[in-house]
Amino acid sequence: MQVQARENLLVPIPVRVLHSVKETPDSITLTLDLRLNHKPGQFLQISVMGVGEAPISIASWGGSTTTLHIRQVGNVTSALGNISVGDTVFVRGPYGNGFPMEETWKQNLILVGGGCGVAPLRGVIQHIMRHRADYGEVAAFLGFRSPSELIFQTDIERWRKNVSLNVSFDAMEEACSIKATEGFVTELVRRTEVPVDRTTAFLCGPPIMMNIASDILRDKGLPEEKLYLSMERLMYCGAGECCHCMIGGHYTCVDGPVFRWNEIKEHVRE
């Protein structure tokens, strides 16, 4: 039976796993029987009984199910990697501040994602695809360490029909089945001509990637108030109570994880 998120976001709800895909050697994508009303860029707290709880970015937008991409790096995320279709996980949320889709109406968009940071941008692209006439040019730059680290391959091929899509791999260690270039995604952004008038940029990925990409885009003429970064911190409560996720006086779980560059620029390189 499909579940809808409750009004009390602090109460975990049981949700059934509908689908599981092993994307890379250390990551999976889960589809949950959960309908959400959320912004792209928000996150859920997902828990496995007897193991613990972890914040996971939502990798989908709209529809009757919810998708999560999970990199297996700790006890909870490793346990989620062993979840089978039909099993139950516990979810609370959605939490946080997402990407400002309502502020980008009729504007151009630049999306830069690295590794598992592509997951929150998947929800952004799904939103764009369902409202394509509401946006101008859309240029997406997605970077991965190698072809074996590629995620959402089927989606990427579909997105090319409506989005200027650029994929790069740090190193081409093996044959690649999609159109891509070798090198860092930041260099791909640097050498690609992109619009900067009436343009907003969304970045998500490793801090060094976002720092370099931010500098490149601002050097190209993008105003810093049009630049948004999805930050990652230890987020336990989701309600701004535990104070583990502070960035310069801001709670990442409440005021973020998506921040405007000029709100946190003094702290973004910490």
Protein backbone atom coordinates (compact mmCIF):
# COMPACT_ATOMS: atom_id res chain seq x y z
CA MET A 1 0.00 0.00 0.00
CA GLN A 2 1.40 3.37 -1.01
CA VAL A 3 2.42 5.72 1.79
CA GLN A 4 2.26 9.52 1.83
CA ALA A 5 4.53 11.62 4.03
CA ARG A 6 2.90 12.71 7.30
CA GLU A 7 2.54 16.23 8.64
CA ASN A 8 4.68 15.39 11.69
CA LEU A 9 8.08 15.20 10.03
CA LEU A 10 9.79 13.90 13.17
CA VAL A 11 7.84 10.63 13.16
CA PRO A 12 9.37 7.88 10.98
CA ILE A 13 6.94 6.01 8.75
CA PRO A 14 7.39 2.50 7.33
CA VAL A 15 7.85 2.43 3.57
CA ARG A 16 8.16 -0.55 1.23
CA VAL A 17 11.06 -0.85 -1.22
CA LEU A 18 9.71 -1.32 -4.75
CA HIS A 19 12.91 -1.49 -6.76
CA SER A 20 16.65 -1.70 -6.19
CA VAL A 21 19.43 -1.11 -8.74
CA LYS A 22 23.15 -1.65 -8.15
CA GLU A 23 24.53 1.40 -9.93
CA THR A 24 28.25 1.09 -9.09
CA PRO A 25 30.35 -1.21 -6.90
CA ASP A 26 29.57 0.98 -3.87
CA SER A 27 26.20 2.57 -4.60
CA ILE A 28 22.57 1.64 -5.17
CA THR A 29 19.37 3.36 -6.22
CA LEU A 30 16.20 2.51 -4.30
CA THR A 31 12.64 3.25 -5.39
CA LEU A 32 10.24 3.61 -2.47
CA ASP A 33 6.46 3.29 -2.40
CA LEU A 34 6.20 6.85 -1.14
CA ARG A 35 4.51 9.91 -2.64
CA LEU A 36 6.11 13.21 -1.64
CA ASN A 37 5.34 16.87 -2.14
CA HIS A 38 8.85 18.28 -2.08
CA LYS A 39 11.34 20.56 -3.80
CA PRO A 40 14.26 19.12 -5.77
CA GLY A 41 17.29 19.25 -3.49
CA GLN A 42 15.54 18.33 -0.24
CA PHE A 43 16.46 15.20 1.71
CA LEU A 44 14.96 12.41 3.80
CA GLN A 45 16.14 10.74 6.98
CA ILE A 46 16.04 7.02 6.24
CA SER A 47 16.61 4.33 8.84
CA VAL A 48 17.11 0.58 9.06
CA MET A 49 15.78 -1.03 12.23
CA GLY A 50 18.58 -2.05 14.58
CA VAL A 51 21.23 -0.18 12.60
CA GLY A 52 20.52 3.55 12.58
CA GLU A 53 19.50 6.52 10.49
CA ALA A 54 21.16 8.58 7.74
CA PRO A 55 20.24 11.65 5.65
CA ILE A 56 19.81 10.85 1.95
CA SER A 57 19.12 13.33 -0.84
CA ILE A 58 15.94 12.76 -2.83
CA ALA A 59 16.83 11.81 -6.41
CA SER A 60 13.41 12.27 -7.98
CA TRP A 61 10.61 14.77 -8.34
CA GLY A 62 6.87 14.23 -8.70
CA GLY A 63 5.09 10.98 -9.40
CA SER A 64 3.82 8.29 -7.09
CA THR A 65 7.20 6.95 -5.94
CA THR A 66 10.40 8.36 -4.45
CA THR A 67 13.93 7.57 -5.60
CA LEU A 68 17.04 7.64 -3.40
CA HIS A 69 20.62 7.15 -4.55
CA ILE A 70 22.79 5.78 -1.75
CA ARG A 71 26.55 5.55 -1.59
CA GLN A 72 27.57 2.79 0.81
CA VAL A 73 30.11 4.46 3.10
CA GLY A 74 28.91 3.69 6.64
CA ASN A 75 26.88 1.28 8.76
CA VAL A 76 23.45 2.58 7.74
CA THR A 77 24.19 3.06 4.06
CA SER A 78 25.90 -0.35 3.90
CA ALA A 79 22.80 -1.91 5.47
CA LEU A 80 20.64 -0.15 2.88
CA GLY A 81 22.79 -1.80 0.23
CA ASN A 82 21.56 -5.17 1.49
CA ILE A 83 17.87 -4.19 1.38
CA SER A 84 15.74 -6.34 -0.90
CA VAL A 85 12.63 -5.50 -2.90
CA GLY A 86 9.64 -5.86 -0.60
CA ASP A 87 11.59 -4.98 2.54
CA THR A 88 10.58 -2.07 4.75
CA VAL A 89 12.66 0.97 5.64
CA PHE A 90 11.65 3.88 7.87
CA VAL A 91 11.53 7.42 6.53
CA ARG A 92 10.94 10.90 7.89
CA GLY A 93 10.93 14.16 6.00
CA PRO A 94 11.30 15.78 3.56
CA TYR A 95 13.65 18.26 5.16
CA GLY A 96 15.61 21.32 4.20
CA ASN A 97 15.67 24.02 1.58
CA GLY A 98 15.68 22.82 -2.03
CA PHE A 99 16.65 24.38 -5.32
CA PRO A 100 14.57 27.52 -6.07
CA MET A 101 12.70 26.27 -9.13
CA GLU A 102 9.99 28.91 -8.69
CA GLU A 103 12.60 31.70 -8.94
CA THR A 104 14.07 30.43 -12.20
CA TRP A 105 10.94 30.68 -14.34
CA LYS A 106 11.84 31.56 -17.96
CA GLN A 107 15.54 31.69 -17.07
CA ASN A 108 18.47 29.71 -18.41
CA LEU A 109 19.88 27.04 -16.09
CA ILE A 110 23.38 25.64 -15.63
CA LEU A 111 23.64 22.38 -13.67
CA VAL A 112 26.99 21.03 -12.48
CA GLY A 113 27.09 17.68 -10.67
CA GLY A 114 29.92 15.43 -9.58
CA GLY A 115 29.63 11.75 -8.63
CA CYS A 116 26.78 11.05 -6.24
CA GLY A 117 26.10 14.80 -6.33
CA VAL A 118 24.30 14.11 -9.58
CA ALA A 119 21.48 12.51 -7.57
CA PRO A 120 19.81 15.71 -6.29
CA LEU A 121 20.14 17.23 -9.77
CA ARG A 122 18.18 14.28 -11.16
CA GLY A 123 15.12 15.71 -9.40
CA VAL A 124 15.87 19.14 -10.88
CA ILE A 125 16.07 17.71 -14.40
CA GLN A 126 12.85 15.74 -13.91
CA HIS A 127 11.13 18.97 -12.87
CA ILE A 128 12.52 20.73 -15.95
CA MET A 129 11.46 17.91 -18.26
CA ARG A 130 7.88 18.14 -16.98
CA HIS A 131 7.86 21.94 -17.36
CA ARG A 132 10.27 22.38 -20.28
CA ALA A 133 8.46 25.40 -21.75
CA ASP A 134 8.98 27.27 -18.46
CA TYR A 135 12.78 27.40 -18.87
CA GLY A 136 15.25 28.75 -21.39
CA GLU A 137 18.52 27.05 -22.27
CA VAL A 138 19.54 24.25 -19.92
CA ALA A 139 23.19 23.14 -19.85
CA ALA A 140 24.07 20.21 -17.60
CA PHE A 141 27.63 19.11 -16.78
CA LEU A 142 27.92 15.72 -15.07
CA GLY A 143 31.29 14.38 -13.95
CA PHE A 144 32.31 10.93 -12.74
CA ARG A 145 35.62 9.34 -11.79
CA SER A 146 35.41 6.63 -14.46
CA PRO A 147 32.83 4.82 -16.62
CA SER A 148 32.41 2.25 -13.83
CA GLU A 149 31.21 5.08 -11.55
CA LEU A 150 28.50 6.28 -13.94
CA ILE A 151 25.00 6.47 -12.47
CA PHE A 152 21.59 7.03 -14.10
CA GLN A 153 22.83 6.02 -17.56
CA THR A 154 19.33 5.38 -18.97
CA ASP A 155 18.16 8.75 -17.66
CA ILE A 156 21.17 10.55 -19.12
CA GLU A 157 20.46 9.24 -22.62
CA ARG A 158 16.83 10.39 -22.29
CA TRP A 159 17.76 13.83 -20.95
CA ARG A 160 19.85 14.59 -24.04
CA LYS A 161 16.64 15.14 -26.01
CA ASN A 162 15.75 18.30 -24.09
CA VAL A 163 18.92 19.39 -22.30
CA SER A 164 22.42 20.32 -23.51
CA LEU A 165 24.13 17.48 -21.67
CA ASN A 166 27.90 17.19 -21.15
CA VAL A 167 29.41 14.14 -19.42
CA SER A 168 33.03 13.74 -18.39
CA PHE A 169 35.16 11.10 -16.70
CA ASP A 170 38.30 11.92 -14.75
CA ALA A 171 39.92 8.92 -16.45
CA MET A 172 38.71 6.67 -19.25
CA GLU A 173 39.87 3.44 -17.68
CA GLU A 174 37.56 1.27 -19.75
CA ALA A 175 35.22 1.37 -22.72
CA CYS A 176 32.40 3.84 -22.38
CA SER A 177 28.95 3.26 -23.85
CA ILE A 178 27.85 6.90 -23.78
CA LYS A 179 29.13 10.10 -25.35
CA ALA A 180 31.62 11.62 -22.91
CA THR A 181 34.98 13.36 -22.66
CA GLU A 182 38.02 12.66 -20.49
CA GLY A 183 39.00 15.16 -17.82
CA PHE A 184 37.54 16.95 -14.83
CA VAL A 185 34.01 18.27 -15.13
CA THR A 186 35.23 21.71 -14.05
CA GLU A 187 37.44 21.92 -17.14
CA LEU A 188 34.43 20.97 -19.24
CA VAL A 189 32.56 23.91 -17.73
CA ARG A 190 35.55 26.20 -18.30
CA ARG A 191 35.85 25.52 -22.03
CA THR A 192 32.12 25.46 -22.81
CA GLU A 193 30.32 28.64 -23.76
CA VAL A 194 27.27 29.05 -21.53
CA PRO A 195 24.72 31.86 -21.16
CA VAL A 196 25.14 34.11 -18.14
CA ASP A 197 22.35 36.62 -18.73
CA ARG A 198 19.08 35.61 -17.05
CA THR A 199 20.85 32.48 -15.87
CA THR A 200 20.92 30.54 -12.59
CA ALA A 201 23.40 27.79 -11.72
CA PHE A 202 22.86 24.80 -9.42
CA LEU A 203 25.93 22.90 -8.18
CA CYS A 204 26.15 19.64 -6.23
CA GLY A 205 29.16 17.43 -5.63
CA PRO A 206 32.54 17.32 -3.87
CA PRO A 207 33.47 20.66 -2.23
CA ILE A 208 36.57 21.16 -4.38
CA MET A 209 34.50 20.67 -7.53
CA MET A 210 31.89 23.18 -6.41
CA ASN A 211 34.57 25.70 -5.39
CA ILE A 212 36.33 25.53 -8.76
CA ALA A 213 33.10 25.51 -10.77
CA SER A 214 31.81 28.49 -8.77
CA ASP A 215 34.96 30.48 -9.56
CA ILE A 216 34.72 29.57 -13.26
CA LEU A 217 31.08 30.59 -13.55
CA ARG A 218 31.62 33.86 -11.72
CA ASP A 219 34.62 34.58 -13.96
CA LYS A 220 32.30 34.02 -16.94
CA GLY A 221 30.04 36.75 -15.57
CA LEU A 222 27.41 34.86 -13.58
CA PRO A 223 26.27 37.01 -10.62
CA GLU A 224 27.00 35.35 -7.29
CA GLU A 225 23.38 35.72 -6.18
CA LYS A 226 22.44 33.46 -9.12
CA LEU A 227 24.72 30.67 -7.92
CA TYR A 228 23.37 27.92 -5.64
CA LEU A 229 25.34 25.14 -3.94
CA SER A 230 24.07 22.00 -2.25
CA MET A 231 26.21 21.55 0.86
CA GLU A 232 26.83 18.36 2.82
CA ARG A 233 27.19 18.26 6.60
CA LEU A 234 26.37 15.82 9.40
CA MET A 235 22.59 16.18 9.72
CA TYR A 236 21.07 14.19 12.57
CA CYS A 237 17.80 15.75 13.68
CA GLY A 238 16.64 17.54 10.52
CA ALA A 239 15.04 20.27 12.63
CA GLY A 240 17.93 22.56 13.60
CA GLU A 241 18.07 21.24 17.17
CA CYS A 242 21.27 19.18 17.42
CA CYS A 243 23.56 21.85 15.88
CA HIS A 244 25.85 19.32 14.15
CA CYS A 245 25.35 20.83 10.71
CA MET A 246 26.19 24.51 11.27
CA ILE A 247 27.74 26.54 8.44
CA GLY A 248 28.52 30.09 9.50
CA GLY A 249 25.44 30.41 11.69
CA HIS A 250 23.17 28.55 9.26
CA TYR A 251 21.67 25.12 9.90
CA THR A 252 22.31 22.95 6.84
CA CYS A 253 19.27 20.78 7.63
CA VAL A 254 16.89 23.75 7.80
CA ASP A 255 18.43 26.68 5.89
CA GLY A 256 20.12 24.32 3.39
CA PRO A 257 21.29 21.98 2.11
CA VAL A 258 20.87 24.34 -0.86
CA PHE A 259 22.40 27.76 -0.21
CA ARG A 260 22.92 30.84 -2.34
CA TRP A 261 26.65 31.45 -2.83
CA ASN A 262 26.65 34.92 -1.30
CA GLU A 263 25.00 33.56 1.88
CA ILE A 264 27.88 31.21 2.72
CA LYS A 265 30.83 32.29 0.55
CA GLU A 266 33.02 33.00 3.59
CA HIS A 267 32.56 29.40 4.75
CA VAL A 268 32.24 27.41 1.54
CA ARG A 269 35.97 26.58 1.42
CA GLU A 270 36.14 25.32 5.00
